[in-house]
Structure formats: C-alpha cells, structure tokens
Amino acid sequence: MKISRVTPWAAGLAAVALFAVPAAASAGQQPAAAPENPTAAAADPYSAYTDYADYYAGAQGKTGPALKSALHDIIKTQSKVSYDGVWNALKVTDQDPANANNVILLYSGRSQSKATNGGGSNDWNREHVWAKSHGDFGTATGPGTDLHHLRPEDVTVNSTRGNKDFDKGGSPVGEAPGSLTDGDSFEPRDAVKGDVARMLLYMAVRYDGGDGFANLELNDQVNNGSAPAHGRISLLKQWNQMDPPDAFEQRRNQVIFDVYQHNRNPFIDHPEWVNSIW
C-alpha cells in the first residue's frame, strides 16, 4: 500500500532504482543495491511528504497492545536486503545532504567518504542499533539486515558501543563527541537520541516472534546480554520526546520505503504513538 505523495528526491531515486528493487519483491528476494551517488536529486531533497492515511489505516483509533499489533501487521510486509547489500544501501539512506560523496556517521556525527567503508580503524561499518546479540539474530537476512536500525559508524566507535544497552552517563567516547559509555551502557549524542529510540521501538514492533526470529521486546534495564530485549524503555521514551524526527531521519524513512524495504518506521511518522503503546 503506497503513500499518496512522496518527496521529489525520493521519487527520483526510486526511478533510478526501479529495476534494482521491484516494488512487488517477495521476502525471499535479495534486491540489488541502488546507485551510490544518485543524480536524480531535486533542488530541495527534503521537500515535505504529508499523507500517511492509507498506509496506517489499520492502526487508526487504536491504542496500547491493539495499536502495537496493528502496526506490526502493517510493517511486517517488506522486501529484504542482503547483508552485503546493506553497504550500498547505507550510502544512499545516510548520504550527507551537503556532500553526496559522504555519509553521516550516527554516533560520531562525522561526514565521511562513502568509499571508506570496511574494517580498518578509521573506516566506517554497519552498526546494529538493536545489538544483534540481543536475540541472537546475527547478520541473518531479516532483523540482521533491516535498514531501519542499521547505520554507518566509525569502526572504533562501533566496537566501543558493542552490544551495550542504552542509558545515561559514563566517560566520553573518542571519535564520537557528546557520546558517553560505561561498563554496561552507551549514551549517544543529543542530536540522535530520538533516532536511536525510534529505531529500537521499530524493532520491538516489527519482530514479534514470527519469521523464525526471536520476539524482540523493550525493558527498563541494562545488561540484557543475549536476551531478545533492549533497554532502557523509560529513557527511550524521553529521548523520543526531546529529539523529535528531523529532516534527515524523515528522508531516510522515505528512501527505505520507496527504494529498499517498502515498509516504514511508524514512530518517525507518528512519534506520539510511542506513549500510546508503552
């Protein structure tokens, strides 16, 4: 079910990638990557898109568990990307709006060349915001490759974050100004606290024990280890409110919908639904 109007930028990118990711792709297909440097961008790549009514029709008027269930039924219909395909997808979804040759790193906030992806100490790699050990899904196609929680990040910072839950406090993280960490938690910089919260909230709704994967849930603790849980929900709710969706996050959601997975993060479109569920 398509949204009635999309950004001119996303519409152009969708046209570029038309043959790479067919809209009717099945869950078992592995879409090819979109071009690294799309040339179809409009002058204003962040033009507003407005109408989600059709996409979210099944969720309207619901609250609590009924709303969570309805959103799950909506967003579980998606195409899937291979783990190798995530590299090129992130070069599009996280493109620096001021420099089409770069991506913006999530925790670091640094603009870095798309070409420097890899495993070296100053490269960027694929950060699983919902730590892949929390539910033991690894890099399996599904939660392990879901673009709604995968972001570019400096290799060293990614290692520092590891599989820690999110909480407040700790020591400054080198190469990630404004981020803090201690022995059992990680606090991202203020500018992306809401982004992190909404990515985790998406995962808790999208993966509910179907698809052969664990039922991912949020709780209010740290040290969740390999349990299919992430924390802390009370803090994530605060972050969702203090850092509402911005143009970068909204554009990213739209590109994932139009070009890659054809599903949306509902908490970017409707951040108020967080308190309606949790």
Protein backbone atom coordinates (compact mmCIF):
# COMPACT_ATOMS: atom_id res chain seq x y z
CA MET A 1 0.00 0.00 0.00
CA LYS A 2 1.72 3.21 -1.13
CA ILE A 3 1.71 6.63 0.45
CA SER A 4 -0.09 9.06 -1.75
CA ARG A 5 2.72 11.57 -2.16
CA VAL A 6 6.47 11.18 -1.76
CA THR A 7 9.39 13.56 -1.85
CA PRO A 8 10.58 14.63 -5.29
CA TRP A 9 14.05 13.45 -4.21
CA ALA A 10 12.79 10.01 -3.20
CA ALA A 11 10.62 9.72 -6.28
CA GLY A 12 13.64 10.41 -8.47
CA LEU A 13 15.75 7.91 -6.57
CA ALA A 14 13.00 5.32 -6.85
CA ALA A 15 13.02 5.78 -10.60
CA VAL A 16 16.78 5.28 -10.70
CA ALA A 17 16.44 2.07 -8.70
CA LEU A 18 13.29 0.79 -10.39
CA PHE A 19 14.96 -2.24 -11.89
CA ALA A 20 17.13 -2.90 -8.84
CA VAL A 21 14.31 -3.20 -6.30
CA PRO A 22 10.89 -4.07 -7.73
CA ALA A 23 8.05 -2.87 -5.56
CA ALA A 24 6.50 -6.33 -5.50
CA ALA A 25 9.71 -8.06 -4.40
CA SER A 26 8.99 -11.02 -2.17
CA ALA A 27 10.52 -11.54 1.24
CA GLY A 28 12.89 -14.11 -0.22
CA GLN A 29 14.36 -11.91 -2.92
CA GLN A 30 17.62 -10.02 -2.47
CA PRO A 31 17.29 -6.59 -4.08
CA ALA A 32 20.30 -5.17 -5.87
CA ALA A 33 21.84 -2.05 -4.43
CA ALA A 34 20.79 1.38 -5.61
CA PRO A 35 23.43 3.63 -7.17
CA GLU A 36 25.92 5.08 -4.68
CA ASN A 37 25.55 8.64 -5.96
CA PRO A 38 22.03 9.18 -7.34
CA THR A 39 21.84 12.03 -9.81
CA ALA A 40 18.07 12.46 -9.72
CA ALA A 41 18.00 14.64 -6.61
CA ALA A 42 15.73 17.66 -6.72
CA ALA A 43 16.97 21.07 -5.60
CA ASP A 44 15.34 20.53 -2.22
CA PRO A 45 15.89 16.87 -1.25
CA TYR A 46 13.85 17.32 1.93
CA SER A 47 10.57 18.50 0.43
CA ALA A 48 7.68 17.52 2.67
CA TYR A 49 5.57 14.45 2.20
CA THR A 50 2.28 14.55 4.02
CA ASP A 51 -0.24 11.78 3.63
CA TYR A 52 0.17 8.52 5.56
CA ALA A 53 -3.53 7.84 6.00
CA ASP A 54 -3.77 4.91 3.59
CA TYR A 55 -0.64 3.17 4.85
CA TYR A 56 -1.68 3.41 8.51
CA ALA A 57 -5.41 2.93 8.01
CA GLY A 58 -5.42 -0.30 10.03
CA ALA A 59 -3.87 1.41 13.04
CA GLN A 60 -6.11 4.46 13.29
CA GLY A 61 -8.09 4.81 16.52
CA LYS A 62 -6.15 2.10 18.36
CA THR A 63 -4.01 2.32 21.49
CA GLY A 64 -1.92 0.01 23.67
CA PRO A 65 -1.41 -3.62 22.59
CA ALA A 66 -4.03 -3.26 19.83
CA LEU A 67 -2.04 -0.42 18.24
CA LYS A 68 1.23 -2.35 18.53
CA SER A 69 -0.36 -5.39 16.89
CA ALA A 70 -1.89 -3.32 14.09
CA LEU A 71 1.42 -1.61 13.35
CA HIS A 72 3.19 -4.96 13.28
CA ASP A 73 0.72 -6.25 10.71
CA ILE A 74 1.38 -3.17 8.57
CA ILE A 75 5.18 -3.02 8.68
CA LYS A 76 5.90 -6.76 8.51
CA THR A 77 5.18 -6.64 4.77
CA GLN A 78 8.56 -5.70 3.37
CA SER A 79 11.29 -6.57 0.92
CA LYS A 80 14.59 -7.67 2.41
CA VAL A 81 18.16 -6.63 1.71
CA SER A 82 21.18 -8.94 1.91
CA TYR A 83 23.91 -8.12 4.42
CA ASP A 84 26.30 -7.33 1.56
CA GLY A 85 23.61 -5.13 0.03
CA VAL A 86 23.45 -3.07 3.22
CA TRP A 87 26.78 -1.41 2.34
CA ASN A 88 25.44 0.33 -0.75
CA ALA A 89 22.02 0.96 0.78
CA LEU A 90 23.58 2.93 3.65
CA LYS A 91 25.48 5.04 1.13
CA VAL A 92 22.07 6.22 -0.08
CA THR A 93 19.98 6.30 3.10
CA ASP A 94 22.62 8.12 5.15
CA GLN A 95 24.06 10.38 2.47
CA ASP A 96 25.35 13.71 3.73
CA PRO A 97 22.90 16.34 2.41
CA ALA A 98 25.83 18.75 1.98
CA ASN A 99 28.15 16.30 0.21
CA ALA A 100 26.81 13.49 -1.98
CA ASN A 101 30.15 11.67 -1.76
CA ASN A 102 29.86 11.20 2.01
CA VAL A 103 27.70 9.56 4.66
CA ILE A 104 26.93 10.90 8.14
CA LEU A 105 28.10 8.59 10.94
CA LEU A 106 25.42 8.02 13.59
CA TYR A 107 27.16 8.46 16.94
CA SER A 108 30.18 10.39 15.67
CA GLY A 109 28.20 12.90 13.60
CA ARG A 110 31.15 12.97 11.21
CA SER A 111 30.77 13.30 7.45
CA GLN A 112 32.97 10.62 5.88
CA SER A 113 33.66 9.38 2.37
CA LYS A 114 31.32 6.63 1.22
CA ALA A 115 34.34 4.82 -0.20
CA THR A 116 35.90 4.30 3.25
CA ASN A 117 33.57 1.52 4.34
CA GLY A 118 35.35 -1.54 5.70
CA GLY A 119 37.09 -2.93 8.75
CA GLY A 120 40.04 -0.58 9.24
CA SER A 121 40.35 1.55 12.37
CA ASN A 122 39.30 4.74 10.56
CA ASP A 123 36.75 3.11 8.25
CA TRP A 124 33.01 3.08 8.81
CA ASN A 125 31.00 -0.12 9.14
CA ARG A 126 27.44 -1.31 9.73
CA GLU A 127 26.21 -0.54 13.23
CA HIS A 128 23.28 -2.62 14.50
CA VAL A 129 21.48 -0.15 16.77
CA TRP A 130 19.47 -3.06 18.16
CA ALA A 131 22.54 -5.10 19.06
CA LYS A 132 22.46 -8.28 17.02
CA SER A 133 23.32 -10.43 20.05
CA HIS A 134 20.10 -9.28 21.77
CA GLY A 135 18.00 -12.07 20.31
CA ASP A 136 20.95 -13.80 18.66
CA PHE A 137 19.91 -12.93 15.09
CA GLY A 138 23.40 -12.02 13.93
CA THR A 139 23.53 -10.80 10.33
CA ALA A 140 20.70 -13.02 9.11
CA THR A 141 18.51 -11.54 6.39
CA GLY A 142 15.65 -10.03 8.38
CA PRO A 143 16.47 -8.27 11.66
CA GLY A 144 20.19 -8.57 10.93
CA THR A 145 19.81 -6.60 7.69
CA ASP A 146 16.86 -4.35 8.46
CA LEU A 147 17.83 -0.87 7.28
CA HIS A 148 15.54 0.79 9.79
CA HIS A 149 18.13 0.09 12.53
CA LEU A 150 21.39 -0.19 10.59
CA ARG A 151 23.53 2.95 10.38
CA PRO A 152 27.08 3.87 9.31
CA GLU A 153 29.51 4.30 12.20
CA ASP A 154 33.25 4.56 12.79
CA VAL A 155 34.72 1.08 13.34
CA THR A 156 36.31 2.01 16.67
CA VAL A 157 33.17 3.69 18.00
CA ASN A 158 31.07 0.72 16.86
CA SER A 159 33.38 -1.56 18.83
CA THR A 160 33.14 0.69 21.90
CA ARG A 161 29.35 0.56 21.78
CA GLY A 162 29.44 -3.22 21.30
CA ASN A 163 26.17 -4.79 22.46
CA LYS A 164 25.55 -2.39 25.35
CA ASP A 165 22.08 -1.24 26.24
CA PHE A 166 21.30 2.47 26.14
CA ASP A 167 21.41 4.52 29.32
CA LYS A 168 22.81 7.83 30.61
CA GLY A 169 26.32 8.60 31.81
CA GLY A 170 29.84 7.35 31.57
CA SER A 171 33.08 8.58 30.05
CA PRO A 172 33.42 10.45 26.74
CA VAL A 173 33.74 8.26 23.67
CA GLY A 174 36.73 9.05 21.48
CA GLU A 175 35.72 9.98 17.90
CA ALA A 176 32.08 10.43 18.99
CA PRO A 177 31.77 13.87 20.60
CA GLY A 178 28.84 14.07 23.01
CA SER A 179 28.52 10.30 23.40
CA LEU A 180 29.27 8.57 26.71
CA THR A 181 29.84 4.99 27.78
CA ASP A 182 30.50 2.86 30.84
CA GLY A 183 30.77 -0.85 31.53
CA ASP A 184 27.18 -1.72 30.71
CA SER A 185 25.65 1.12 28.70
CA PHE A 186 26.07 3.65 25.91
CA GLU A 187 24.62 7.16 25.62
CA PRO A 188 24.51 8.65 22.10
CA ARG A 189 24.98 12.35 21.38
CA ASP A 190 21.89 14.52 21.91
CA ALA A 191 21.24 15.09 18.21
CA VAL A 192 20.46 11.40 17.60
CA LYS A 193 18.96 10.27 20.89
CA GLY A 194 15.48 10.28 19.36
CA ASP A 195 16.74 8.47 16.25
CA VAL A 196 18.15 5.68 18.43
CA ALA A 197 14.92 5.43 20.43
CA ARG A 198 12.71 5.21 17.35
CA MET A 199 14.92 2.56 15.75
CA LEU A 200 14.67 0.34 18.82
CA LEU A 201 10.92 0.94 19.09
CA TYR A 202 10.52 -0.07 15.44
CA MET A 203 12.39 -3.32 16.05
CA ALA A 204 10.23 -4.20 19.05
CA VAL A 205 7.11 -3.85 16.90
CA ARG A 206 8.40 -5.38 13.66
CA TYR A 207 9.85 -8.59 15.18
CA ASP A 208 7.36 -10.37 17.42
CA GLY A 209 8.46 -13.99 17.21
CA GLY A 210 7.42 -14.64 13.61
CA ASP A 211 9.72 -15.01 10.59
CA GLY A 212 11.76 -17.60 12.51
CA PHE A 213 13.31 -14.92 14.74
CA ALA A 214 13.01 -14.10 18.43
CA ASN A 215 10.30 -11.86 19.85
CA LEU A 216 12.17 -8.60 20.44
CA GLU A 217 10.96 -6.53 23.36
CA LEU A 218 11.99 -3.43 25.28
CA ASN A 219 12.54 -3.39 29.03
CA ASP A 220 13.84 -0.94 31.62
CA GLN A 221 17.20 -2.47 32.41
CA VAL A 222 20.75 -2.83 31.12
CA ASN A 223 22.94 -5.94 30.89
CA ASN A 224 20.36 -7.72 28.73
CA GLY A 225 23.11 -9.82 27.16
CA SER A 226 21.78 -12.30 24.61
CA ALA A 227 18.16 -11.99 25.73
CA PRO A 228 15.86 -10.67 22.97
CA ALA A 229 15.45 -7.43 24.93
CA HIS A 230 16.86 -3.92 24.89
CA GLY A 231 16.77 -1.11 27.40
CA ARG A 232 16.01 1.25 28.85
CA ILE A 233 12.45 1.92 27.69
CA SER A 234 11.80 4.76 30.17
CA LEU A 235 14.80 6.64 28.81
CA LEU A 236 13.99 5.86 25.19
CA LYS A 237 10.55 7.41 25.68
CA GLN A 238 12.20 10.55 26.99
CA TRP A 239 14.61 10.67 24.07
CA ASN A 240 11.75 10.28 21.60
CA GLN A 241 10.20 13.45 23.02
CA MET A 242 13.34 15.53 23.49
CA ASP A 243 14.69 14.83 19.99
CA PRO A 244 11.75 14.67 17.53
CA PRO A 245 12.22 13.43 13.95
CA ASP A 246 14.21 15.83 11.79
CA ALA A 247 14.51 16.15 8.01
CA PHE A 248 17.43 13.70 7.79
CA GLU A 249 15.53 10.99 9.68
CA GLN A 250 12.31 11.58 7.71
CA ARG A 251 14.13 11.45 4.38
CA ARG A 252 15.84 8.23 5.45
CA ASN A 253 12.49 6.64 6.31
CA GLN A 254 11.11 7.66 2.93
CA VAL A 255 14.07 6.26 0.96
CA ILE A 256 13.84 2.91 2.77
CA PHE A 257 10.13 2.82 1.95
CA ASP A 258 10.43 3.86 -1.70
CA VAL A 259 13.60 2.09 -2.76
CA TYR A 260 14.51 -0.80 -0.50
CA GLN A 261 12.15 -2.39 2.01
CA HIS A 262 8.80 -0.76 1.17
CA ASN A 263 7.89 -0.50 4.85
CA ARG A 264 8.12 2.43 7.23
CA ASN A 265 9.18 3.21 10.78
CA PRO A 266 5.82 4.34 12.21
CA PHE A 267 7.43 6.23 15.09
CA ILE A 268 9.14 8.62 12.69
CA ASP A 269 5.77 9.38 11.09
CA HIS A 270 3.86 9.32 14.39
CA PRO A 271 6.18 9.79 17.39
CA GLU A 272 3.11 10.27 19.58
CA TRP A 273 2.32 6.57 19.16
CA VAL A 274 5.23 5.69 21.46
CA ASN A 275 3.33 6.81 24.55
CA SER A 276 0.15 5.24 23.19
CA ILE A 277 1.82 1.82 23.27
CA TRP A 278 4.33 1.95 26.11
